[in-house]
Amino acid sequence: MNRNRLPLSYYERLKSGEYTCIAQCGKQFYVAKEHGILPLIQWIQGDEVELSGAVIYDRIVGKAAAMLFRYAKIKELHTFTISALAKQVLEEGGVPCFYEQEVPYVINRKGDGMCPMEQSVLEIENVEEGYRILCEKAKR
């Protein structure tokens, strides 16, 4: 992860798991502590964080999060782990991504299969359709 513009205290909290995602919007930083895509959807739908043009620092990025980041028009992504599917989505959208490790897919919390959010958009190519599907799934 390239943390050039991320203050050390934020980086340490992200690495330790205290933070799950950080959005840098200009000089302002917004943090999420909840796991999964719900914080991303809340940022996209809310008024507090403007993700368009933001630099995102995240722990693990799968295809679901990548679709949300593309939908929100982020500037670039820095992550510890990215799935091959997420990398493809971001590259197709021209979003630079910096990462330490690439994996075939994000593993679910039980550790016995694919993350259900990544699975839900596995065959989806359209970012707007992916956003709609993920919003519906997050409501459940």
N, C-alpha and C. Protein backbone atom coordinates (compact mmCIF):
# COMPACT_ATOMS: atom_id res chain seq x y z
N MET A 1 0.85 -1.19 0.00
CA MET A 1 0.00 0.00 0.00
C MET A 1 0.88 1.24 0.00
N ASN A 2 0.60 2.12 -0.91
CA ASN A 2 1.31 3.38 -0.98
C ASN A 2 0.58 4.37 -0.07
N ARG A 3 1.20 4.74 1.03
CA ARG A 3 0.54 5.62 2.01
C ARG A 3 1.15 7.01 2.02
N ASN A 4 1.59 7.46 0.86
CA ASN A 4 2.29 8.75 0.77
C ASN A 4 1.58 9.89 1.47
N ARG A 5 0.29 10.01 1.28
CA ARG A 5 -0.45 11.15 1.83
C ARG A 5 -1.24 10.80 3.08
N LEU A 6 -1.11 9.57 3.56
CA LEU A 6 -1.88 9.14 4.72
C LEU A 6 -1.04 9.31 5.98
N PRO A 7 -1.51 10.14 6.94
CA PRO A 7 -0.77 10.29 8.19
C PRO A 7 -0.54 8.93 8.87
N LEU A 8 0.60 8.79 9.52
CA LEU A 8 1.00 7.53 10.12
C LEU A 8 -0.05 6.99 11.08
N SER A 9 -0.67 7.84 11.88
CA SER A 9 -1.68 7.35 12.85
C SER A 9 -2.86 6.71 12.13
N TYR A 10 -3.28 7.26 11.01
CA TYR A 10 -4.37 6.67 10.23
C TYR A 10 -3.92 5.32 9.65
N TYR A 11 -2.72 5.30 9.11
CA TYR A 11 -2.18 4.07 8.52
C TYR A 11 -2.13 2.96 9.57
N GLU A 12 -1.62 3.27 10.75
CA GLU A 12 -1.51 2.26 11.82
C GLU A 12 -2.88 1.74 12.23
N ARG A 13 -3.86 2.60 12.32
CA ARG A 13 -5.22 2.17 12.69
C ARG A 13 -5.86 1.33 11.61
N LEU A 14 -5.57 1.65 10.35
CA LEU A 14 -6.07 0.85 9.24
C LEU A 14 -5.41 -0.53 9.25
N LYS A 15 -4.12 -0.57 9.41
CA LYS A 15 -3.38 -1.83 9.42
C LYS A 15 -3.82 -2.73 10.57
N SER A 16 -4.09 -2.13 11.74
CA SER A 16 -4.49 -2.91 12.92
C SER A 16 -5.93 -3.41 12.84
N GLY A 17 -6.72 -2.81 11.97
CA GLY A 17 -8.13 -3.19 11.84
C GLY A 17 -9.08 -2.29 12.61
N GLU A 18 -8.54 -1.31 13.32
CA GLU A 18 -9.42 -0.36 14.03
C GLU A 18 -10.28 0.41 13.02
N TYR A 19 -9.66 0.81 11.90
CA TYR A 19 -10.39 1.40 10.79
C TYR A 19 -10.45 0.37 9.68
N THR A 20 -11.57 0.36 8.95
CA THR A 20 -11.68 -0.55 7.81
C THR A 20 -11.50 0.17 6.49
N CYS A 21 -11.77 1.46 6.47
CA CYS A 21 -11.66 2.24 5.25
C CYS A 21 -11.47 3.71 5.62
N ILE A 22 -10.66 4.40 4.82
CA ILE A 22 -10.43 5.83 5.01
C ILE A 22 -10.61 6.52 3.66
N ALA A 23 -11.38 7.59 3.66
CA ALA A 23 -11.56 8.40 2.46
C ALA A 23 -10.86 9.73 2.68
N GLN A 24 -9.95 10.07 1.80
CA GLN A 24 -9.29 11.36 1.85
C GLN A 24 -9.91 12.24 0.79
N CYS A 25 -10.61 13.25 1.24
CA CYS A 25 -11.29 14.20 0.35
C CYS A 25 -10.59 15.55 0.54
N GLY A 26 -9.68 15.87 -0.35
CA GLY A 26 -8.86 17.06 -0.16
C GLY A 26 -7.96 16.84 1.05
N LYS A 27 -8.07 17.75 2.02
CA LYS A 27 -7.27 17.62 3.25
C LYS A 27 -8.05 16.96 4.38
N GLN A 28 -9.30 16.63 4.13
CA GLN A 28 -10.18 16.03 5.14
C GLN A 28 -10.15 14.50 5.04
N PHE A 29 -10.13 13.83 6.20
CA PHE A 29 -10.15 12.38 6.26
C PHE A 29 -11.44 11.91 6.92
N TYR A 30 -12.06 10.89 6.35
CA TYR A 30 -13.25 10.25 6.91
C TYR A 30 -12.91 8.78 7.12
N VAL A 31 -13.33 8.25 8.27
CA VAL A 31 -12.98 6.86 8.57
C VAL A 31 -14.23 6.02 8.78
N ALA A 32 -14.10 4.75 8.43
CA ALA A 32 -15.16 3.76 8.69
C ALA A 32 -14.55 2.70 9.60
N LYS A 33 -15.36 2.23 10.54
CA LYS A 33 -14.92 1.17 11.45
C LYS A 33 -15.69 -0.12 11.22
N GLU A 34 -16.79 -0.03 10.47
CA GLU A 34 -17.63 -1.20 10.22
C GLU A 34 -17.06 -2.00 9.06
N HIS A 35 -17.25 -3.30 9.11
CA HIS A 35 -16.78 -4.17 8.03
C HIS A 35 -17.81 -4.21 6.90
N GLY A 36 -17.35 -4.65 5.75
CA GLY A 36 -18.25 -4.82 4.61
C GLY A 36 -18.44 -3.55 3.82
N ILE A 37 -19.45 -3.59 2.96
CA ILE A 37 -19.68 -2.47 2.03
C ILE A 37 -20.66 -1.42 2.56
N LEU A 38 -21.32 -1.69 3.68
CA LEU A 38 -22.32 -0.75 4.19
C LEU A 38 -21.76 0.65 4.41
N PRO A 39 -20.57 0.81 5.01
CA PRO A 39 -20.05 2.18 5.16
C PRO A 39 -19.86 2.89 3.82
N LEU A 40 -19.46 2.14 2.79
CA LEU A 40 -19.27 2.75 1.48
C LEU A 40 -20.60 3.23 0.91
N ILE A 41 -21.62 2.40 1.04
CA ILE A 41 -22.96 2.79 0.56
C ILE A 41 -23.46 4.00 1.33
N GLN A 42 -23.23 4.04 2.63
CA GLN A 42 -23.65 5.19 3.43
C GLN A 42 -22.92 6.46 3.01
N TRP A 43 -21.64 6.35 2.71
CA TRP A 43 -20.89 7.51 2.22
C TRP A 43 -21.45 7.98 0.89
N ILE A 44 -21.74 7.05 -0.01
CA ILE A 44 -22.26 7.41 -1.33
C ILE A 44 -23.63 8.08 -1.22
N GLN A 45 -24.48 7.57 -0.36
CA GLN A 45 -25.84 8.07 -0.25
C GLN A 45 -25.98 9.28 0.67
N GLY A 46 -24.99 9.50 1.51
CA GLY A 46 -25.07 10.59 2.47
C GLY A 46 -24.52 11.90 1.93
N ASP A 47 -24.59 12.93 2.77
CA ASP A 47 -24.13 14.25 2.39
C ASP A 47 -22.78 14.61 2.99
N GLU A 48 -22.30 13.83 3.96
CA GLU A 48 -21.08 14.19 4.69
C GLU A 48 -19.81 14.00 3.86
N VAL A 49 -19.75 12.92 3.09
CA VAL A 49 -18.53 12.58 2.36
C VAL A 49 -18.78 12.65 0.86
N GLU A 50 -17.96 13.40 0.16
CA GLU A 50 -18.04 13.47 -1.30
C GLU A 50 -16.91 12.61 -1.85
N LEU A 51 -17.24 11.40 -2.31
CA LEU A 51 -16.22 10.46 -2.76
C LEU A 51 -15.69 10.76 -4.15
N SER A 52 -16.40 11.54 -4.93
CA SER A 52 -15.92 11.86 -6.27
C SER A 52 -14.58 12.59 -6.15
N GLY A 53 -13.54 11.98 -6.72
CA GLY A 53 -12.20 12.57 -6.66
C GLY A 53 -11.43 12.23 -5.39
N ALA A 54 -12.00 11.39 -4.52
CA ALA A 54 -11.35 11.04 -3.26
C ALA A 54 -10.27 9.98 -3.47
N VAL A 55 -9.33 9.96 -2.55
CA VAL A 55 -8.35 8.89 -2.48
C VAL A 55 -8.82 7.96 -1.36
N ILE A 56 -8.92 6.68 -1.67
CA ILE A 56 -9.43 5.70 -0.71
C ILE A 56 -8.30 4.80 -0.24
N TYR A 57 -8.29 4.55 1.08
CA TYR A 57 -7.39 3.59 1.70
C TYR A 57 -8.28 2.54 2.34
N ASP A 58 -8.11 1.29 1.96
CA ASP A 58 -8.99 0.23 2.43
C ASP A 58 -8.16 -1.00 2.78
N ARG A 59 -8.69 -1.84 3.63
CA ARG A 59 -7.96 -3.05 4.04
C ARG A 59 -8.03 -4.13 2.96
N ILE A 60 -9.25 -4.46 2.54
CA ILE A 60 -9.48 -5.53 1.57
C ILE A 60 -10.52 -5.04 0.56
N VAL A 61 -10.22 -5.17 -0.71
CA VAL A 61 -11.15 -4.71 -1.74
C VAL A 61 -11.48 -5.85 -2.69
N GLY A 62 -12.77 -6.18 -2.72
CA GLY A 62 -13.29 -7.16 -3.67
C GLY A 62 -14.06 -6.44 -4.76
N LYS A 63 -14.66 -7.22 -5.64
CA LYS A 63 -15.37 -6.65 -6.78
C LYS A 63 -16.51 -5.74 -6.34
N ALA A 64 -17.22 -6.10 -5.27
CA ALA A 64 -18.34 -5.27 -4.81
C ALA A 64 -17.86 -3.87 -4.44
N ALA A 65 -16.83 -3.79 -3.62
CA ALA A 65 -16.30 -2.48 -3.21
C ALA A 65 -15.75 -1.73 -4.42
N ALA A 66 -15.08 -2.44 -5.32
CA ALA A 66 -14.53 -1.80 -6.52
C ALA A 66 -15.65 -1.18 -7.36
N MET A 67 -16.75 -1.87 -7.48
CA MET A 67 -17.88 -1.31 -8.24
C MET A 67 -18.42 -0.06 -7.56
N LEU A 68 -18.50 -0.09 -6.24
CA LEU A 68 -18.97 1.09 -5.51
C LEU A 68 -17.99 2.25 -5.67
N PHE A 69 -16.70 1.96 -5.62
CA PHE A 69 -15.70 3.01 -5.81
C PHE A 69 -15.79 3.62 -7.21
N ARG A 70 -15.98 2.77 -8.20
CA ARG A 70 -16.13 3.28 -9.58
C ARG A 70 -17.40 4.11 -9.70
N TYR A 71 -18.49 3.61 -9.10
CA TYR A 71 -19.76 4.32 -9.14
C TYR A 71 -19.60 5.72 -8.53
N ALA A 72 -18.82 5.79 -7.45
CA ALA A 72 -18.62 7.06 -6.74
C ALA A 72 -17.57 7.95 -7.41
N LYS A 73 -16.88 7.41 -8.40
CA LYS A 73 -15.88 8.17 -9.16
C LYS A 73 -14.68 8.60 -8.31
N ILE A 74 -14.13 7.63 -7.55
CA ILE A 74 -12.96 7.95 -6.75
C ILE A 74 -11.76 8.22 -7.66
N LYS A 75 -10.75 8.87 -7.12
CA LYS A 75 -9.55 9.22 -7.88
C LYS A 75 -8.57 8.05 -7.92
N GLU A 76 -8.33 7.40 -6.75
CA GLU A 76 -7.41 6.27 -6.69
C GLU A 76 -7.65 5.47 -5.43
N LEU A 77 -7.12 4.24 -5.44
CA LEU A 77 -7.30 3.31 -4.33
C LEU A 77 -5.95 2.79 -3.85
N HIS A 78 -5.82 2.70 -2.53
CA HIS A 78 -4.67 2.08 -1.88
C HIS A 78 -5.22 1.00 -0.95
N THR A 79 -4.73 -0.22 -1.06
CA THR A 79 -5.25 -1.31 -0.23
C THR A 79 -4.16 -2.32 0.08
N PHE A 80 -4.39 -3.07 1.14
CA PHE A 80 -3.46 -4.15 1.47
C PHE A 80 -3.71 -5.34 0.55
N THR A 81 -5.00 -5.68 0.35
CA THR A 81 -5.36 -6.85 -0.45
C THR A 81 -6.46 -6.49 -1.43
N ILE A 82 -6.29 -6.94 -2.67
CA ILE A 82 -7.30 -6.70 -3.70
C ILE A 82 -7.55 -8.01 -4.43
N SER A 83 -8.82 -8.24 -4.79
CA SER A 83 -9.12 -9.43 -5.59
C SER A 83 -8.83 -9.12 -7.06
N ALA A 84 -8.55 -10.17 -7.81
CA ALA A 84 -8.30 -10.01 -9.25
C ALA A 84 -9.51 -9.37 -9.94
N LEU A 85 -10.70 -9.73 -9.48
CA LEU A 85 -11.92 -9.17 -10.05
C LEU A 85 -12.02 -7.67 -9.78
N ALA A 86 -11.68 -7.26 -8.56
CA ALA A 86 -11.73 -5.85 -8.20
C ALA A 86 -10.71 -5.05 -9.01
N LYS A 87 -9.52 -5.60 -9.15
CA LYS A 87 -8.47 -4.94 -9.91
C LYS A 87 -8.93 -4.71 -11.35
N GLN A 88 -9.58 -5.69 -11.93
CA GLN A 88 -10.08 -5.57 -13.30
C GLN A 88 -11.12 -4.46 -13.41
N VAL A 89 -12.07 -4.42 -12.45
CA VAL A 89 -13.11 -3.39 -12.46
C VAL A 89 -12.49 -2.00 -12.39
N LEU A 90 -11.52 -1.83 -11.51
CA LEU A 90 -10.89 -0.52 -11.34
C LEU A 90 -10.07 -0.14 -12.57
N GLU A 91 -9.31 -1.09 -13.10
CA GLU A 91 -8.51 -0.80 -14.29
C GLU A 91 -9.39 -0.43 -15.48
N GLU A 92 -10.51 -1.13 -15.65
CA GLU A 92 -11.44 -0.81 -16.74
C GLU A 92 -12.01 0.59 -16.61
N GLY A 93 -12.11 1.08 -15.36
CA GLY A 93 -12.63 2.42 -15.13
C GLY A 93 -11.55 3.48 -15.06
N GLY A 94 -10.29 3.07 -15.28
CA GLY A 94 -9.20 4.03 -15.24
C GLY A 94 -8.84 4.51 -13.85
N VAL A 95 -9.17 3.72 -12.83
CA VAL A 95 -8.87 4.08 -11.44
C VAL A 95 -7.55 3.41 -11.03
N PRO A 96 -6.51 4.20 -10.77
CA PRO A 96 -5.25 3.61 -10.34
C PRO A 96 -5.42 2.91 -8.98
N CYS A 97 -4.83 1.72 -8.85
CA CYS A 97 -4.90 1.01 -7.58
C CYS A 97 -3.51 0.52 -7.18
N PHE A 98 -3.21 0.70 -5.91
CA PHE A 98 -1.93 0.31 -5.34
C PHE A 98 -2.23 -0.70 -4.23
N TYR A 99 -1.54 -1.81 -4.23
CA TYR A 99 -1.86 -2.89 -3.29
C TYR A 99 -0.61 -3.68 -2.95
N GLU A 100 -0.71 -4.43 -1.85
CA GLU A 100 0.39 -5.30 -1.44
C GLU A 100 0.20 -6.73 -1.93
N GLN A 101 -1.04 -7.17 -1.99
CA GLN A 101 -1.31 -8.57 -2.33
C GLN A 101 -2.55 -8.66 -3.21
N GLU A 102 -2.45 -9.48 -4.26
CA GLU A 102 -3.61 -9.77 -5.11
C GLU A 102 -4.03 -11.21 -4.86
N VAL A 103 -5.34 -11.40 -4.68
CA VAL A 103 -5.91 -12.74 -4.46
C VAL A 103 -6.96 -13.00 -5.52
N PRO A 104 -7.28 -14.27 -5.79
CA PRO A 104 -8.31 -14.56 -6.81
C PRO A 104 -9.67 -13.96 -6.46
N TYR A 105 -10.06 -14.04 -5.19
CA TYR A 105 -11.32 -13.47 -4.72
C TYR A 105 -11.24 -13.26 -3.22
N VAL A 106 -12.17 -12.46 -2.70
CA VAL A 106 -12.23 -12.20 -1.26
C VAL A 106 -12.95 -13.36 -0.60
N ILE A 107 -12.38 -13.86 0.47
CA ILE A 107 -12.96 -14.99 1.21
C ILE A 107 -13.98 -14.45 2.22
N ASN A 108 -15.07 -15.20 2.41
CA ASN A 108 -16.09 -14.79 3.37
C ASN A 108 -15.55 -14.86 4.81
N ARG A 109 -16.31 -14.32 5.75
CA ARG A 109 -15.86 -14.25 7.15
C ARG A 109 -15.69 -15.62 7.80
N LYS A 110 -16.43 -16.62 7.32
CA LYS A 110 -16.28 -17.98 7.84
C LYS A 110 -15.01 -18.64 7.30
N GLY A 111 -14.52 -18.12 6.18
CA GLY A 111 -13.31 -18.68 5.59
C GLY A 111 -13.55 -19.91 4.73
N ASP A 112 -14.81 -20.12 4.34
CA ASP A 112 -15.11 -21.34 3.58
C ASP A 112 -15.67 -21.08 2.18
N GLY A 113 -15.49 -19.88 1.67
CA GLY A 113 -15.99 -19.59 0.32
C GLY A 113 -15.81 -18.12 -0.02
N MET A 114 -16.40 -17.74 -1.14
CA MET A 114 -16.30 -16.36 -1.62
C MET A 114 -17.18 -15.43 -0.79
N CYS A 115 -16.72 -14.22 -0.63
CA CYS A 115 -17.50 -13.17 0.04
C CYS A 115 -18.86 -13.05 -0.66
N PRO A 116 -19.96 -13.03 0.10
CA PRO A 116 -21.29 -12.98 -0.53
C PRO A 116 -21.52 -11.71 -1.35
N MET A 117 -20.90 -10.62 -0.99
CA MET A 117 -21.08 -9.39 -1.76
C MET A 117 -20.36 -9.50 -3.11
N GLU A 118 -19.16 -10.06 -3.09
CA GLU A 118 -18.44 -10.26 -4.34
C GLU A 118 -19.20 -11.26 -5.22
N GLN A 119 -19.74 -12.27 -4.59
CA GLN A 119 -20.52 -13.30 -5.31
C GLN A 119 -21.75 -12.67 -5.97
N SER A 120 -22.38 -11.71 -5.28
CA SER A 120 -23.62 -11.12 -5.80
C SER A 120 -23.41 -10.30 -7.07
N VAL A 121 -22.18 -9.83 -7.32
CA VAL A 121 -21.91 -9.05 -8.53
C VAL A 121 -20.91 -9.75 -9.45
N LEU A 122 -20.70 -11.01 -9.21
CA LEU A 122 -19.70 -11.78 -9.95
C LEU A 122 -19.88 -11.67 -11.46
N GLU A 123 -21.12 -11.77 -11.93
CA GLU A 123 -21.40 -11.76 -13.37
C GLU A 123 -21.83 -10.39 -13.88
N ILE A 124 -21.83 -9.39 -13.03
CA ILE A 124 -22.30 -8.05 -13.39
C ILE A 124 -21.13 -7.23 -13.92
N GLU A 125 -21.33 -6.57 -15.04
CA GLU A 125 -20.29 -5.72 -15.63
C GLU A 125 -20.63 -4.23 -15.50
N ASN A 126 -21.91 -3.90 -15.47
CA ASN A 126 -22.37 -2.52 -15.41
C ASN A 126 -22.29 -2.00 -13.97
N VAL A 127 -21.57 -0.92 -13.77
CA VAL A 127 -21.36 -0.38 -12.42
C VAL A 127 -22.66 0.10 -11.79
N GLU A 128 -23.53 0.74 -12.56
CA GLU A 128 -24.81 1.22 -12.02
C GLU A 128 -25.68 0.04 -11.58
N GLU A 129 -25.70 -1.02 -12.37
CA GLU A 129 -26.46 -2.21 -11.99
C GLU A 129 -25.85 -2.84 -10.74
N GLY A 130 -24.54 -2.89 -10.67
CA GLY A 130 -23.86 -3.41 -9.48
C GLY A 130 -24.22 -2.61 -8.25
N TYR A 131 -24.24 -1.29 -8.36
CA TYR A 131 -24.61 -0.42 -7.25
C TYR A 131 -26.02 -0.74 -6.77
N ARG A 132 -26.95 -0.87 -7.71
CA ARG A 132 -28.35 -1.16 -7.35
C ARG A 132 -28.44 -2.49 -6.62
N ILE A 133 -27.80 -3.52 -7.14
CA ILE A 133 -27.83 -4.86 -6.53
C ILE A 133 -27.23 -4.81 -5.13
N LEU A 134 -26.10 -4.12 -4.99
CA LEU A 134 -25.43 -4.08 -3.68
C LEU A 134 -26.25 -3.29 -2.65
N CYS A 135 -26.91 -2.24 -3.09
CA CYS A 135 -27.78 -1.48 -2.17
C CYS A 135 -28.93 -2.37 -1.68
N GLU A 136 -29.55 -3.11 -2.59
CA GLU A 136 -30.64 -4.01 -2.22
C GLU A 136 -30.15 -5.08 -1.25
N LYS A 137 -28.98 -5.66 -1.53
CA LYS A 137 -28.44 -6.72 -0.68
C LYS A 137 -28.06 -6.17 0.70
N ALA A 138 -27.53 -4.96 0.74
CA ALA A 138 -27.13 -4.36 2.02
C ALA A 138 -28.32 -4.05 2.91
N LYS A 139 -29.49 -3.81 2.31
CA LYS A 139 -30.70 -3.54 3.09
C LYS A 139 -31.14 -4.76 3.88
N ARG A 140 -30.83 -5.96 3.34
CA ARG A 140 -31.28 -7.21 3.98
C ARG A 140 -30.45 -7.56 5.15
